[in-house]
């Protein structure tokens, strides 16, 4: 059974790496969508499935620097922090305008708060 799972792991991680890379590239263009987190996850997927594409992503002049800084020192640029936290705030504000039950609002709010505090607490390069 585990052998069967491992047979599919590499192609699935490779496909996930490309999907995450596409989302990360879109996030670099759209002001309210963070792209760095998708690129960090893509680099991990490629590290497990294709060292060649991991090297390509890390060496890419536009997509690679944020991922390299995260891997080397765990740092996040101030601009990226502001976009990420702002996006979380806007997402929560939109959620409060829906008919979501209070437990969903509290859960989402606490998760977004925890994520925002984590992002804000990371050092800057």
PDB file of N, CA and C in Angstrom:
ATOM      1  N   UNK A   1       0.824  -1.202   0.000  1.00  0.00           N
ATOM      2  CA  UNK A   1       0.000   0.000   0.000  1.00  0.00           C
ATOM      3  C   UNK A   1       0.865   1.263   0.000  1.00  0.00           C
ATOM      4  N   UNK A   2       1.877   1.309   0.891  1.00  0.00           N
ATOM      5  CA  UNK A   2       2.712   2.512   0.945  1.00  0.00           C
ATOM      6  C   UNK A   2       3.515   2.690  -0.332  1.00  0.00           C
ATOM      7  N   UNK A   3       3.881   1.584  -0.959  1.00  0.00           N
ATOM      8  CA  UNK A   3       4.619   1.681  -2.218  1.00  0.00           C
ATOM      9  C   UNK A   3       3.767   2.374  -3.284  1.00  0.00           C
ATOM     10  N   UNK A   4       2.479   2.071  -3.278  1.00  0.00           N
ATOM     11  CA  UNK A   4       1.557   2.676  -4.231  1.00  0.00           C
ATOM     12  C   UNK A   4       1.436   4.181  -3.974  1.00  0.00           C
ATOM     13  N   UNK A   5       1.361   4.563  -2.710  1.00  0.00           N
ATOM     14  CA  UNK A   5       1.275   5.983  -2.355  1.00  0.00           C
ATOM     15  C   UNK A   5       2.529   6.715  -2.814  1.00  0.00           C
ATOM     16  N   UNK A   6       3.686   6.130  -2.566  1.00  0.00           N
ATOM     17  CA  UNK A   6       4.942   6.780  -2.947  1.00  0.00           C
ATOM     18  C   UNK A   6       5.074   6.930  -4.461  1.00  0.00           C
ATOM     19  N   UNK A   7       4.470   6.025  -5.197  1.00  0.00           N
ATOM     20  CA  UNK A   7       4.540   6.103  -6.652  1.00  0.00           C
ATOM     21  C   UNK A   7       3.835   7.360  -7.165  1.00  0.00           C
ATOM     22  N   UNK A   8       2.777   7.774  -6.483  1.00  0.00           N
ATOM     23  CA  UNK A   8       2.019   8.948  -6.902  1.00  0.00           C
ATOM     24  C   UNK A   8       2.506  10.230  -6.242  1.00  0.00           C
ATOM     25  N   UNK A   9       3.301  10.108  -5.202  1.00  0.00           N
ATOM     26  CA  UNK A   9       3.726  11.280  -4.431  1.00  0.00           C
ATOM     27  C   UNK A   9       4.521  12.270  -5.278  1.00  0.00           C
ATOM     28  N   UNK A  10       5.496  11.782  -5.977  1.00  0.00           N
ATOM     29  CA  UNK A  10       6.371  12.667  -6.747  1.00  0.00           C
ATOM     30  C   UNK A  10       5.629  13.432  -7.843  1.00  0.00           C
ATOM     31  N   UNK A  11       4.831  12.773  -8.686  1.00  0.00           N
ATOM     32  CA  UNK A  11       4.092  13.538  -9.702  1.00  0.00           C
ATOM     33  C   UNK A  11       3.087  14.513  -9.097  1.00  0.00           C
ATOM     34  N   UNK A  12       2.456  14.120  -7.992  1.00  0.00           N
ATOM     35  CA  UNK A  12       1.504  15.032  -7.350  1.00  0.00           C
ATOM     36  C   UNK A  12       2.211  16.261  -6.787  1.00  0.00           C
ATOM     37  N   UNK A  13       3.356  16.054  -6.157  1.00  0.00           N
ATOM     38  CA  UNK A  13       4.114  17.191  -5.632  1.00  0.00           C
ATOM     39  C   UNK A  13       4.638  18.072  -6.761  1.00  0.00           C
ATOM     40  N   UNK A  14       5.025  17.458  -7.860  1.00  0.00           N
ATOM     41  CA  UNK A  14       5.493  18.223  -9.010  1.00  0.00           C
ATOM     42  C   UNK A  14       4.365  19.095  -9.565  1.00  0.00           C
ATOM     43  N   UNK A  15       3.178  18.505  -9.725  1.00  0.00           N
ATOM     44  CA  UNK A  15       2.018  19.270 -10.212  1.00  0.00           C
ATOM     45  C   UNK A  15       1.646  20.369  -9.220  1.00  0.00           C
ATOM     46  N   UNK A  16       1.662  20.041  -7.939  1.00  0.00           N
ATOM     47  CA  UNK A  16       1.361  21.050  -6.918  1.00  0.00           C
ATOM     48  C   UNK A  16       2.380  22.180  -6.970  1.00  0.00           C
ATOM     49  N   UNK A  17       3.643  21.840  -7.209  1.00  0.00           N
ATOM     50  CA  UNK A  17       4.678  22.864  -7.321  1.00  0.00           C
ATOM     51  C   UNK A  17       4.382  23.857  -8.429  1.00  0.00           C
ATOM     52  N   UNK A  18       3.931  23.361  -9.577  1.00  0.00           N
ATOM     53  CA  UNK A  18       3.615  24.264 -10.691  1.00  0.00           C
ATOM     54  C   UNK A  18       2.367  25.089 -10.419  1.00  0.00           C
ATOM     55  N   UNK A  19       1.361  24.476  -9.804  1.00  0.00           N
ATOM     56  CA  UNK A  19       0.149  25.232  -9.461  1.00  0.00           C
ATOM     57  C   UNK A  19       0.488  26.334  -8.465  1.00  0.00           C
ATOM     58  N   UNK A  20       1.277  26.001  -7.456  1.00  0.00           N
ATOM     59  CA  UNK A  20       1.674  26.996  -6.456  1.00  0.00           C
ATOM     60  C   UNK A  20       2.565  28.078  -7.065  1.00  0.00           C
ATOM     61  N   UNK A  21       3.424  27.700  -8.009  1.00  0.00           N
ATOM     62  CA  UNK A  21       4.250  28.698  -8.689  1.00  0.00           C
ATOM     63  C   UNK A  21       3.373  29.669  -9.468  1.00  0.00           C
ATOM     64  N   UNK A  22       2.361  29.147 -10.151  1.00  0.00           N
ATOM     65  CA  UNK A  22       1.439  30.019 -10.893  1.00  0.00           C
ATOM     66  C   UNK A  22       0.706  30.960  -9.942  1.00  0.00           C
ATOM     67  N   UNK A  23       0.217  30.429  -8.816  1.00  0.00           N
ATOM     68  CA  UNK A  23      -0.462  31.288  -7.836  1.00  0.00           C
ATOM     69  C   UNK A  23       0.496  32.340  -7.273  1.00  0.00           C
ATOM     70  N   UNK A  24       1.742  31.941  -7.031  1.00  0.00           N
ATOM     71  CA  UNK A  24       2.734  32.888  -6.532  1.00  0.00           C
ATOM     72  C   UNK A  24       3.031  33.984  -7.532  1.00  0.00           C
ATOM     73  N   UNK A  25       3.134  33.620  -8.807  1.00  0.00           N
ATOM     74  CA  UNK A  25       3.384  34.627  -9.848  1.00  0.00           C
ATOM     75  C   UNK A  25       2.204  35.581  -9.956  1.00  0.00           C
ATOM     76  N   UNK A  26       0.991  35.054  -9.873  1.00  0.00           N
ATOM     77  CA  UNK A  26      -0.196  35.920  -9.894  1.00  0.00           C
ATOM     78  C   UNK A  26      -0.186  36.842  -8.681  1.00  0.00           C
ATOM     79  N   UNK A  27       0.200  36.298  -7.538  1.00  0.00           N
ATOM     80  CA  UNK A  27       0.266  37.099  -6.320  1.00  0.00           C
ATOM     81  C   UNK A  27       1.299  38.210  -6.381  1.00  0.00           C
ATOM     82  N   UNK A  28       2.326  38.032  -7.200  1.00  0.00           N
ATOM     83  CA  UNK A  28       3.325  39.092  -7.350  1.00  0.00           C
ATOM     84  C   UNK A  28       2.763  40.257  -8.165  1.00  0.00           C
ATOM     85  N   UNK A  29       1.717  39.990  -8.948  1.00  0.00           N
ATOM     86  CA  UNK A  29       1.118  41.018  -9.803  1.00  0.00           C
ATOM     87  C   UNK A  29      -0.074  41.680  -9.121  1.00  0.00           C
ATOM     88  N   UNK A  30      -0.952  40.860  -8.533  1.00  0.00           N
ATOM     89  CA  UNK A  30      -2.153  41.397  -7.893  1.00  0.00           C
ATOM     90  C   UNK A  30      -1.815  41.967  -6.518  1.00  0.00           C
ATOM     91  N   UNK A  31      -2.235  43.182  -6.231  1.00  0.00           N
ATOM     92  CA  UNK A  31      -1.841  43.821  -4.981  1.00  0.00           C
ATOM     93  C   UNK A  31      -2.432  43.190  -3.722  1.00  0.00           C
ATOM     94  N   UNK A  32      -3.587  42.553  -3.790  1.00  0.00           N
ATOM     95  CA  UNK A  32      -4.210  42.017  -2.584  1.00  0.00           C
ATOM     96  C   UNK A  32      -3.996  40.525  -2.385  1.00  0.00           C
ATOM     97  N   UNK A  33      -3.273  39.888  -3.295  1.00  0.00           N
ATOM     98  CA  UNK A  33      -3.032  38.451  -3.157  1.00  0.00           C
ATOM     99  C   UNK A  33      -1.554  38.225  -2.856  1.00  0.00           C
ATOM    100  N   UNK A  34      -1.246  37.694  -1.679  1.00  0.00           N
ATOM    101  CA  UNK A  34       0.164  37.446  -1.371  1.00  0.00           C
ATOM    102  C   UNK A  34       0.717  36.327  -2.245  1.00  0.00           C
ATOM    103  N   UNK A  35       1.910  36.505  -2.744  1.00  0.00           N
ATOM    104  CA  UNK A  35       2.500  35.499  -3.618  1.00  0.00           C
ATOM    105  C   UNK A  35       3.615  34.713  -2.974  1.00  0.00           C
ATOM    106  N   UNK A  36       4.274  35.304  -1.987  1.00  0.00           N
ATOM    107  CA  UNK A  36       5.461  34.683  -1.408  1.00  0.00           C
ATOM    108  C   UNK A  36       5.160  33.332  -0.778  1.00  0.00           C
ATOM    109  N   UNK A  37       4.063  33.228  -0.041  1.00  0.00           N
ATOM    110  CA  UNK A  37       3.763  31.963   0.627  1.00  0.00           C
ATOM    111  C   UNK A  37       3.564  30.841  -0.380  1.00  0.00           C
ATOM    112  N   UNK A  38       2.952  31.150  -1.515  1.00  0.00           N
ATOM    113  CA  UNK A  38       2.760  30.130  -2.551  1.00  0.00           C
ATOM    114  C   UNK A  38       4.104  29.710  -3.144  1.00  0.00           C
ATOM    115  N   UNK A  39       5.014  30.663  -3.296  1.00  0.00           N
ATOM    116  CA  UNK A  39       6.335  30.347  -3.846  1.00  0.00           C
ATOM    117  C   UNK A  39       7.156  29.524  -2.860  1.00  0.00           C
ATOM    118  N   UNK A  40       7.029  29.808  -1.570  1.00  0.00           N
ATOM    119  CA  UNK A  40       7.726  29.016  -0.551  1.00  0.00           C
ATOM    120  C   UNK A  40       7.220  27.576  -0.581  1.00  0.00           C
ATOM    121  N   UNK A  41       5.901  27.415  -0.677  1.00  0.00           N
ATOM    122  CA  UNK A  41       5.333  26.062  -0.746  1.00  0.00           C
ATOM    123  C   UNK A  41       5.726  25.372  -2.051  1.00  0.00           C
ATOM    124  N   UNK A  42       5.781  26.127  -3.147  1.00  0.00           N
ATOM    125  CA  UNK A  42       6.192  25.548  -4.429  1.00  0.00           C
ATOM    126  C   UNK A  42       7.632  25.053  -4.348  1.00  0.00           C
ATOM    127  N   UNK A  43       8.498  25.834  -3.725  1.00  0.00           N
ATOM    128  CA  UNK A  43       9.898  25.420  -3.592  1.00  0.00           C
ATOM    129  C   UNK A  43       9.999  24.127  -2.792  1.00  0.00           C
ATOM    130  N   UNK A  44       9.188  24.002  -1.747  1.00  0.00           N
ATOM    131  CA  UNK A  44       9.202  22.761  -0.973  1.00  0.00           C
ATOM    132  C   UNK A  44       8.729  21.597  -1.835  1.00  0.00           C
ATOM    133  N   UNK A  45       7.637  21.786  -2.566  1.00  0.00           N
ATOM    134  CA  UNK A  45       7.127  20.714  -3.442  1.00  0.00           C
ATOM    135  C   UNK A  45       8.185  20.292  -4.453  1.00  0.00           C
ATOM    136  N   UNK A  46       8.854  21.267  -5.051  1.00  0.00           N
ATOM    137  CA  UNK A  46       9.903  20.945  -6.019  1.00  0.00           C
ATOM    138  C   UNK A  46      11.098  20.273  -5.337  1.00  0.00           C
ATOM    139  N   UNK A  47      11.403  20.650  -4.093  1.00  0.00           N
ATOM    140  CA  UNK A  47      12.525  20.012  -3.393  1.00  0.00           C
ATOM    141  C   UNK A  47      12.256  18.526  -3.169  1.00  0.00           C
ATOM    142  N   UNK A  48      10.985  18.153  -3.094  1.00  0.00           N
ATOM    143  CA  UNK A  48      10.609  16.758  -2.898  1.00  0.00           C
ATOM    144  C   UNK A  48      10.401  16.005  -4.212  1.00  0.00           C
ATOM    145  N   UNK A  49      10.230  16.747  -5.314  1.00  0.00           N
ATOM    146  CA  UNK A  49       9.886  16.078  -6.569  1.00  0.00           C
ATOM    147  C   UNK A  49      10.847  16.345  -7.722  1.00  0.00           C
ATOM    148  N   UNK A  50      11.466  17.525  -7.760  1.00  0.00           N
ATOM    149  CA  UNK A  50      12.321  17.863  -8.893  1.00  0.00           C
ATOM    150  C   UNK A  50      13.365  18.905  -8.487  1.00  0.00           C
ATOM    151  N   UNK A  51      14.551  18.465  -8.090  1.00  0.00           N
ATOM    152  CA  UNK A  51      15.596  19.423  -7.721  1.00  0.00           C
ATOM    153  C   UNK A  51      15.914  20.419  -8.844  1.00  0.00           C
ATOM    154  N   UNK A  52      15.723  19.997 -10.081  1.00  0.00           N
ATOM    155  CA  UNK A  52      15.977  20.890 -11.220  1.00  0.00           C
ATOM    156  C   UNK A  52      15.048  22.100 -11.175  1.00  0.00           C
ATOM    157  N   UNK A  53      13.757  21.873 -10.954  1.00  0.00           N
ATOM    158  CA  UNK A  53      12.817  22.987 -10.920  1.00  0.00           C
ATOM    159  C   UNK A  53      12.908  23.769  -9.613  1.00  0.00           C
ATOM    160  N   UNK A  54      13.349  23.111  -8.549  1.00  0.00           N
ATOM    161  CA  UNK A  54      13.617  23.848  -7.311  1.00  0.00           C
ATOM    162  C   UNK A  54      14.734  24.858  -7.563  1.00  0.00           C
ATOM    163  N   UNK A  55      15.805  24.415  -8.223  1.00  0.00           N
ATOM    164  CA  UNK A  55      16.913  25.315  -8.548  1.00  0.00           C
ATOM    165  C   UNK A  55      16.452  26.426  -9.485  1.00  0.00           C
ATOM    166  N   UNK A  56      15.590  26.093 -10.439  1.00  0.00           N
ATOM    167  CA  UNK A  56      15.057  27.109 -11.355  1.00  0.00           C
ATOM    168  C   UNK A  56      14.288  28.171 -10.580  1.00  0.00           C
ATOM    169  N   UNK A  57      13.408  27.742  -9.677  1.00  0.00           N
ATOM    170  CA  UNK A  57      12.602  28.691  -8.911  1.00  0.00           C
ATOM    171  C   UNK A  57      13.482  29.557  -8.017  1.00  0.00           C
ATOM    172  N   UNK A  58      14.428  28.951  -7.326  1.00  0.00           N
ATOM    173  CA  UNK A  58      15.305  29.720  -6.438  1.00  0.00           C
ATOM    174  C   UNK A  58      16.196  30.682  -7.217  1.00  0.00           C
ATOM    175  N   UNK A  59      16.545  30.326  -8.449  1.00  0.00           N
ATOM    176  CA  UNK A  59      17.401  31.181  -9.259  1.00  0.00           C
ATOM    177  C   UNK A  59      16.658  32.198 -10.101  1.00  0.00           C
ATOM    178  N   UNK A  60      15.341  32.117 -10.120  1.00  0.00           N
ATOM    179  CA  UNK A  60      14.543  33.036 -10.938  1.00  0.00           C
ATOM    180  C   UNK A  60      14.719  34.464 -10.417  1.00  0.00           C
ATOM    181  N   UNK A  61      14.998  35.433 -11.308  1.00  0.00           N
ATOM    182  CA  UNK A  61      15.275  36.801 -10.850  1.00  0.00           C
ATOM    183  C   UNK A  61      14.091  37.495 -10.171  1.00  0.00           C
ATOM    184  N   UNK A  62      12.856  37.172 -10.534  1.00  0.00           N
ATOM    185  CA  UNK A  62      11.687  37.834  -9.927  1.00  0.00           C
ATOM    186  C   UNK A  62      11.056  37.008  -8.805  1.00  0.00           C
ATOM    187  N   UNK A  63      11.036  35.692  -8.967  1.00  0.00           N
ATOM    188  CA  UNK A  63      10.339  34.837  -8.012  1.00  0.00           C
ATOM    189  C   UNK A  63      11.243  34.297  -6.907  1.00  0.00           C
ATOM    190  N   UNK A  64      12.514  34.164  -7.186  1.00  0.00           N
ATOM    191  CA  UNK A  64      13.421  33.501  -6.258  1.00  0.00           C
ATOM    192  C   UNK A  64      13.886  34.258  -5.029  1.00  0.00           C
ATOM    193  N   UNK A  65      14.115  35.581  -5.098  1.00  0.00           N
ATOM    194  CA  UNK A  65      14.712  36.262  -3.949  1.00  0.00           C
ATOM    195  C   UNK A  65      13.946  36.119  -2.631  1.00  0.00           C
ATOM    196  N   UNK A  66      12.622  36.237  -2.665  1.00  0.00           N
ATOM    197  CA  UNK A  66      11.839  36.111  -1.430  1.00  0.00           C
ATOM    198  C   UNK A  66      11.980  34.709  -0.835  1.00  0.00           C
ATOM    199  N   UNK A  67      11.951  33.706  -1.693  1.00  0.00           N
ATOM    200  CA  UNK A  67      12.048  32.326  -1.219  1.00  0.00           C
ATOM    201  C   UNK A  67      13.436  32.073  -0.635  1.00  0.00           C
ATOM    202  N   UNK A  68      14.470  32.561  -1.312  1.00  0.00           N
ATOM    203  CA  UNK A  68      15.833  32.385  -0.798  1.00  0.00           C
ATOM    204  C   UNK A  68      16.005  33.067   0.550  1.00  0.00           C
ATOM    205  N   UNK A  69      15.483  34.290   0.688  1.00  0.00           N
ATOM    206  CA  UNK A  69      15.593  34.993   1.976  1.00  0.00           C
ATOM    207  C   UNK A  69      14.872  34.231   3.083  1.00  0.00           C
ATOM    208  N   UNK A  70      13.714  33.675   2.758  1.00  0.00           N
ATOM    209  CA  UNK A  70      12.968  32.908   3.756  1.00  0.00           C
ATOM    210  C   UNK A  70      13.759  31.666   4.179  1.00  0.00           C
ATOM    211  N   UNK A  71      14.310  30.960   3.202  1.00  0.00           N
ATOM    212  CA  UNK A  71      15.056  29.740   3.512  1.00  0.00           C
ATOM    213  C   UNK A  71      16.338  30.031   4.284  1.00  0.00           C
ATOM    214  N   UNK A  72      17.038  31.078   3.902  1.00  0.00           N
ATOM    215  CA  UNK A  72      18.337  31.355   4.505  1.00  0.00           C
ATOM    216  C   UNK A  72      18.226  31.979   5.890  1.00  0.00           C
ATOM    217  N   UNK A  73      17.283  32.892   6.079  1.00  0.00           N
ATOM    218  CA  UNK A  73      17.248  33.630   7.342  1.00  0.00           C
ATOM    219  C   UNK A  73      15.859  33.755   7.957  1.00  0.00           C
ATOM    220  N   UNK A  74      14.836  33.242   7.294  1.00  0.00           N
ATOM    221  CA  UNK A  74      13.482  33.355   7.834  1.00  0.00           C
ATOM    222  C   UNK A  74      12.952  34.777   7.837  1.00  0.00           C
ATOM    223  N   UNK A  75      13.418  35.594   6.882  1.00  0.00           N
ATOM    224  CA  UNK A  75      13.001  36.998   6.842  1.00  0.00           C
ATOM    225  C   UNK A  75      11.906  37.228   5.809  1.00  0.00           C
ATOM    226  N   UNK A  76      11.102  38.270   6.067  1.00  0.00           N
ATOM    227  CA  UNK A  76      10.041  38.685   5.146  1.00  0.00           C
ATOM    228  C   UNK A  76      10.149  40.194   4.967  1.00  0.00           C
ATOM    229  N   UNK A  77      10.142  40.653   3.718  1.00  0.00           N
ATOM    230  CA  UNK A  77      10.193  42.092   3.429  1.00  0.00           C
ATOM    231  C   UNK A  77       9.003  42.817   4.045  1.00  0.00           C
ATOM    232  N   UNK A  78       9.209  44.062   4.423  1.00  0.00           N
ATOM    233  CA  UNK A  78       8.141  44.863   5.020  1.00  0.00           C
ATOM    234  C   UNK A  78       6.944  44.987   4.078  1.00  0.00           C
ATOM    235  N   UNK A  79       7.193  45.211   2.807  1.00  0.00           N
ATOM    236  CA  UNK A  79       6.108  45.345   1.837  1.00  0.00           C
ATOM    237  C   UNK A  79       5.273  44.073   1.781  1.00  0.00           C
ATOM    238  N   UNK A  80       5.931  42.930   1.808  1.00  0.00           N
ATOM    239  CA  UNK A  80       5.231  41.646   1.777  1.00  0.00           C
ATOM    240  C   UNK A  80       4.414  41.467   3.055  1.00  0.00           C
ATOM    241  N   UNK A  81       4.973  41.869   4.179  1.00  0.00           N
ATOM    242  CA  UNK A  81       4.235  41.796   5.447  1.00  0.00           C
ATOM    243  C   UNK A  81       2.972  42.645   5.389  1.00  0.00           C
ATOM    244  N   UNK A  82       3.107  43.857   4.875  1.00  0.00           N
ATOM    245  CA  UNK A  82       1.953  44.756   4.797  1.00  0.00           C
ATOM    246  C   UNK A  82       0.873  44.201   3.875  1.00  0.00           C
ATOM    247  N   UNK A  83       1.274  43.679   2.733  1.00  0.00           N
ATOM    248  CA  UNK A  83       0.297  43.105   1.799  1.00  0.00           C
ATOM    249  C   UNK A  83      -0.381  41.888   2.430  1.00  0.00           C
ATOM    250  N   UNK A  84       0.385  41.023   3.065  1.00  0.00           N
ATOM    251  CA  UNK A  84      -0.187  39.814   3.667  1.00  0.00           C
ATOM    252  C   UNK A  84      -1.171  40.170   4.779  1.00  0.00           C
ATOM    253  N   UNK A  85      -0.749  41.030   5.685  1.00  0.00           N
ATOM    254  CA  UNK A  85      -1.636  41.402   6.798  1.00  0.00           C
ATOM    255  C   UNK A  85      -2.843  42.195   6.303  1.00  0.00           C
ATOM    256  N   UNK A  86      -2.636  43.069   5.341  1.00  0.00           N
ATOM    257  CA  UNK A  86      -3.751  43.820   4.765  1.00  0.00           C
ATOM    258  C   UNK A  86      -4.749  42.905   4.077  1.00  0.00           C
ATOM    259  N   UNK A  87      -4.247  41.906   3.370  1.00  0.00           N
ATOM    260  CA  UNK A  87      -5.128  40.943   2.698  1.00  0.00           C
ATOM    261  C   UNK A  87      -5.948  40.155   3.712  1.00  0.00           C
ATOM    262  N   UNK A  88      -5.312  39.782   4.812  1.00  0.00           N
ATOM    263  CA  UNK A  88      -6.039  39.052   5.854  1.00  0.00           C
ATOM    264  C   UNK A  88      -7.127  39.923   6.469  1.00  0.00           C
ATOM    265  N   UNK A  89      -6.805  41.180   6.698  1.00  0.00           N
ATOM    266  CA  UNK A  89      -7.779  42.104   7.276  1.00  0.00           C
ATOM    267  C   UNK A  89      -8.966  42.306   6.332  1.00  0.00           C
ATOM    268  N   UNK A  90      -8.683  42.508   5.068  1.00  0.00           N
ATOM    269  CA  UNK A  90      -9.755  42.687   4.077  1.00  0.00           C
ATOM    270  C   UNK A  90     -10.601  41.413   3.967  1.00  0.00           C
ATOM    271  N   UNK A  91      -9.944  40.259   3.976  1.00  0.00           N
ATOM    272  CA  UNK A  91     -10.684  38.995   3.913  1.00  0.00           C
ATOM    273  C   UNK A  91     -11.632  38.854   5.093  1.00  0.00           C
ATOM    274  N   UNK A  92     -11.150  39.206   6.276  1.00  0.00           N
ATOM    275  CA  UNK A  92     -12.013  39.099   7.456  1.00  0.00           C
ATOM    276  C   UNK A  92     -13.153  40.113   7.396  1.00  0.00           C
ATOM    277  N   UNK A  93     -12.857  41.306   6.927  1.00  0.00           N
ATOM    278  CA  UNK A  93     -13.909  42.322   6.799  1.00  0.00           C
ATOM    279  C   UNK A  93     -14.998  41.852   5.840  1.00  0.00           C
ATOM    280  N   UNK A  94     -14.607  41.233   4.746  1.00  0.00           N
ATOM    281  CA  UNK A  94     -15.592  40.699   3.796  1.00  0.00           C
ATOM    282  C   UNK A  94     -16.394  39.576   4.448  1.00  0.00           C
ATOM    283  N   UNK A  95     -15.713  38.722   5.191  1.00  0.00           N
ATOM    284  CA  UNK A  95     -16.391  37.611   5.856  1.00  0.00           C
ATOM    285  C   UNK A  95     -17.440  38.106   6.849  1.00  0.00           C
ATOM    286  N   UNK A  96     -17.149  39.200   7.531  1.00  0.00           N
ATOM    287  CA  UNK A  96     -18.119  39.723   8.506  1.00  0.00           C
ATOM    288  C   UNK A  96     -19.378  40.248   7.834  1.00  0.00           C
ATOM    289  N   UNK A  97     -19.322  40.534   6.561  1.00  0.00           N
ATOM    290  CA  UNK A  97     -20.486  41.037   5.826  1.00  0.00           C
ATOM    291  C   UNK A  97     -21.360  39.907   5.280  1.00  0.00           C
ATOM    292  N   UNK A  98     -20.933  38.678   5.485  1.00  0.00           N
ATOM    293  CA  UNK A  98     -21.710  37.534   5.014  1.00  0.00           C
ATOM    294  C   UNK A  98     -22.604  37.029   6.144  1.00  0.00           C
ATOM    295  N   UNK A  99     -23.355  36.009   5.850  1.00  0.00           N
ATOM    296  CA  UNK A  99     -24.231  35.427   6.871  1.00  0.00           C
ATOM    297  C   UNK A  99     -23.565  34.232   7.556  1.00  0.00           C
ATOM    298  N   UNK A 100     -22.251  34.281   7.659  1.00  0.00           N
ATOM    299  CA  UNK A 100     -21.516  33.192   8.302  1.00  0.00           C
ATOM    300  C   UNK A 100     -21.904  33.119   9.780  1.00  0.00           C
ATOM    301  N   UNK A 101     -21.993  31.906  10.319  1.00  0.00           N
ATOM    302  CA  UNK A 101     -22.332  31.778  11.739  1.00  0.00           C
ATOM    303  C   UNK A 101     -21.219  32.343  12.618  1.00  0.00           C
ATOM    304  N   UNK A 102     -21.563  32.776  13.819  1.00  0.00           N
ATOM    305  CA  UNK A 102     -20.554  33.371  14.715  1.00  0.00           C
ATOM    306  C   UNK A 102     -19.337  32.484  14.957  1.00  0.00           C
ATOM    307  N   UNK A 103     -19.536  31.176  15.059  1.00  0.00           N
ATOM    308  CA  UNK A 103     -18.387  30.294  15.290  1.00  0.00           C
ATOM    309  C   UNK A 103     -17.406  30.350  14.124  1.00  0.00           C
ATOM    310  N   UNK A 104     -17.923  30.484  12.915  1.00  0.00           N
ATOM    311  CA  UNK A 104     -17.055  30.602  11.740  1.00  0.00           C
ATOM    312  C   UNK A 104     -16.290  31.918  11.779  1.00  0.00           C
ATOM    313  N   UNK A 105     -16.961  32.988  12.180  1.00  0.00           N
ATOM    314  CA  UNK A 105     -16.286  34.289  12.286  1.00  0.00           C
ATOM    315  C   UNK A 105     -15.181  34.239  13.337  1.00  0.00           C
ATOM    316  N   UNK A 106     -15.485  33.666  14.490  1.00  0.00           N
ATOM    317  CA  UNK A 106     -14.478  33.574  15.548  1.00  0.00           C
ATOM    318  C   UNK A 106     -13.296  32.704  15.116  1.00  0.00           C
ATOM    319  N   UNK A 107     -13.601  31.575  14.510  1.00  0.00           N
ATOM    320  CA  UNK A 107     -12.535  30.670  14.072  1.00  0.00           C
ATOM    321  C   UNK A 107     -11.655  31.336  13.017  1.00  0.00           C
ATOM    322  N   UNK A 108     -12.283  31.910  12.011  1.00  0.00           N
ATOM    323  CA  UNK A 108     -11.517  32.588  10.960  1.00  0.00           C
ATOM    324  C   UNK A 108     -10.735  33.758  11.535  1.00  0.00           C
ATOM    325  N   UNK A 109     -11.378  34.533  12.396  1.00  0.00           N
ATOM    326  CA  UNK A 109     -10.709  35.688  12.996  1.00  0.00           C
ATOM    327  C   UNK A 109      -9.486  35.292  13.807  1.00  0.00           C
ATOM    328  N   UNK A 110      -9.612  34.244  14.614  1.00  0.00           N
ATOM    329  CA  UNK A 110      -8.472  33.800  15.424  1.00  0.00           C
ATOM    330  C   UNK A 110      -7.352  33.228  14.558  1.00  0.00           C
ATOM    331  N   UNK A 111      -7.721  32.476  13.529  1.00  0.00           N
ATOM    332  CA  UNK A 111      -6.693  31.928  12.620  1.00  0.00           C
ATOM    333  C   UNK A 111      -5.965  33.046  11.874  1.00  0.00           C
ATOM    334  N   UNK A 112      -6.724  34.010  11.377  1.00  0.00           N
ATOM    335  CA  UNK A 112      -6.102  35.133  10.661  1.00  0.00           C
ATOM    336  C   UNK A 112      -5.256  35.983  11.602  1.00  0.00           C
ATOM    337  N   UNK A 113      -5.729  36.168  12.828  1.00  0.00           N
ATOM    338  CA  UNK A 113      -4.946  36.923  13.808  1.00  0.00           C
ATOM    339  C   UNK A 113      -3.627  36.211  14.101  1.00  0.00           C
ATOM    340  N   UNK A 114      -3.688  34.901  14.313  1.00  0.00           N
ATOM    341  CA  UNK A 114      -2.465  34.134  14.576  1.00  0.00           C
ATOM    342  C   UNK A 114      -1.507  34.211  13.388  1.00  0.00           C
ATOM    343  N   UNK A 115      -2.036  34.055  12.185  1.00  0.00           N
ATOM    344  CA  UNK A 115      -1.190  34.133  10.989  1.00  0.00           C
ATOM    345  C   UNK A 115      -0.592  35.523  10.835  1.00  0.00           C
ATOM    346  N   UNK A 116      -1.394  36.552  11.067  1.00  0.00           N
ATOM    347  CA  UNK A 116      -0.904  37.928  10.967  1.00  0.00           C
ATOM    348  C   UNK A 116       0.187  38.227  11.983  1.00  0.00           C
ATOM    349  N   UNK A 117      -0.003  37.749  13.213  1.00  0.00           N
ATOM    350  CA  UNK A 117       1.024  37.959  14.240  1.00  0.00           C
ATOM    351  C   UNK A 117       2.314  37.227  13.883  1.00  0.00           C
ATOM    352  N   UNK A 118       2.186  36.039  13.334  1.00  0.00           N
ATOM    353  CA  UNK A 118       3.375  35.298  12.923  1.00  0.00           C
ATOM    354  C   UNK A 118       4.125  36.044  11.825  1.00  0.00           C
ATOM    355  N   UNK A 119       3.397  36.481  10.808  1.00  0.00           N
ATOM    356  CA  UNK A 119       4.024  37.210   9.697  1.00  0.00           C
ATOM    357  C   UNK A 119       4.678  38.488  10.213  1.00  0.00           C
ATOM    358  N   UNK A 120       3.963  39.228  11.046  1.00  0.00           N
ATOM    359  CA  UNK A 120       4.491  40.498  11.556  1.00  0.00           C
ATOM    360  C   UNK A 120       5.716  40.294  12.442  1.00  0.00           C
ATOM    361  N   UNK A 121       5.806  39.146  13.101  1.00  0.00           N
ATOM    362  CA  UNK A 121       6.926  38.913  14.022  1.00  0.00           C
ATOM    363  C   UNK A 121       8.199  38.443  13.324  1.00  0.00           C
ATOM    364  N   UNK A 122       8.123  38.098  12.054  1.00  0.00           N
ATOM    365  CA  UNK A 122       9.317  37.647  11.332  1.00  0.00           C
ATOM    366  C   UNK A 122      10.251  38.826  11.103  1.00  0.00           C
ATOM    367  N   UNK A 123      11.547  38.583  11.199  1.00  0.00           N
ATOM    368  CA  UNK A 123      12.496  39.676  10.963  1.00  0.00           C
ATOM    369  C   UNK A 123      12.481  40.142   9.507  1.00  0.00           C
ATOM    370  N   UNK A 124      12.940  41.367   9.313  1.00  0.00           N
ATOM    371  CA  UNK A 124      13.051  41.928   7.959  1.00  0.00           C
ATOM    372  C   UNK A 124      14.499  41.846   7.510  1.00  0.00           C
ATOM    373  N   UNK A 125      14.712  41.694   6.199  1.00  0.00           N
ATOM    374  CA  UNK A 125      16.100  41.596   5.710  1.00  0.00           C
ATOM    375  C   UNK A 125      16.841  42.918   5.838  1.00  0.00           C
TER     376      UNK A 125
END
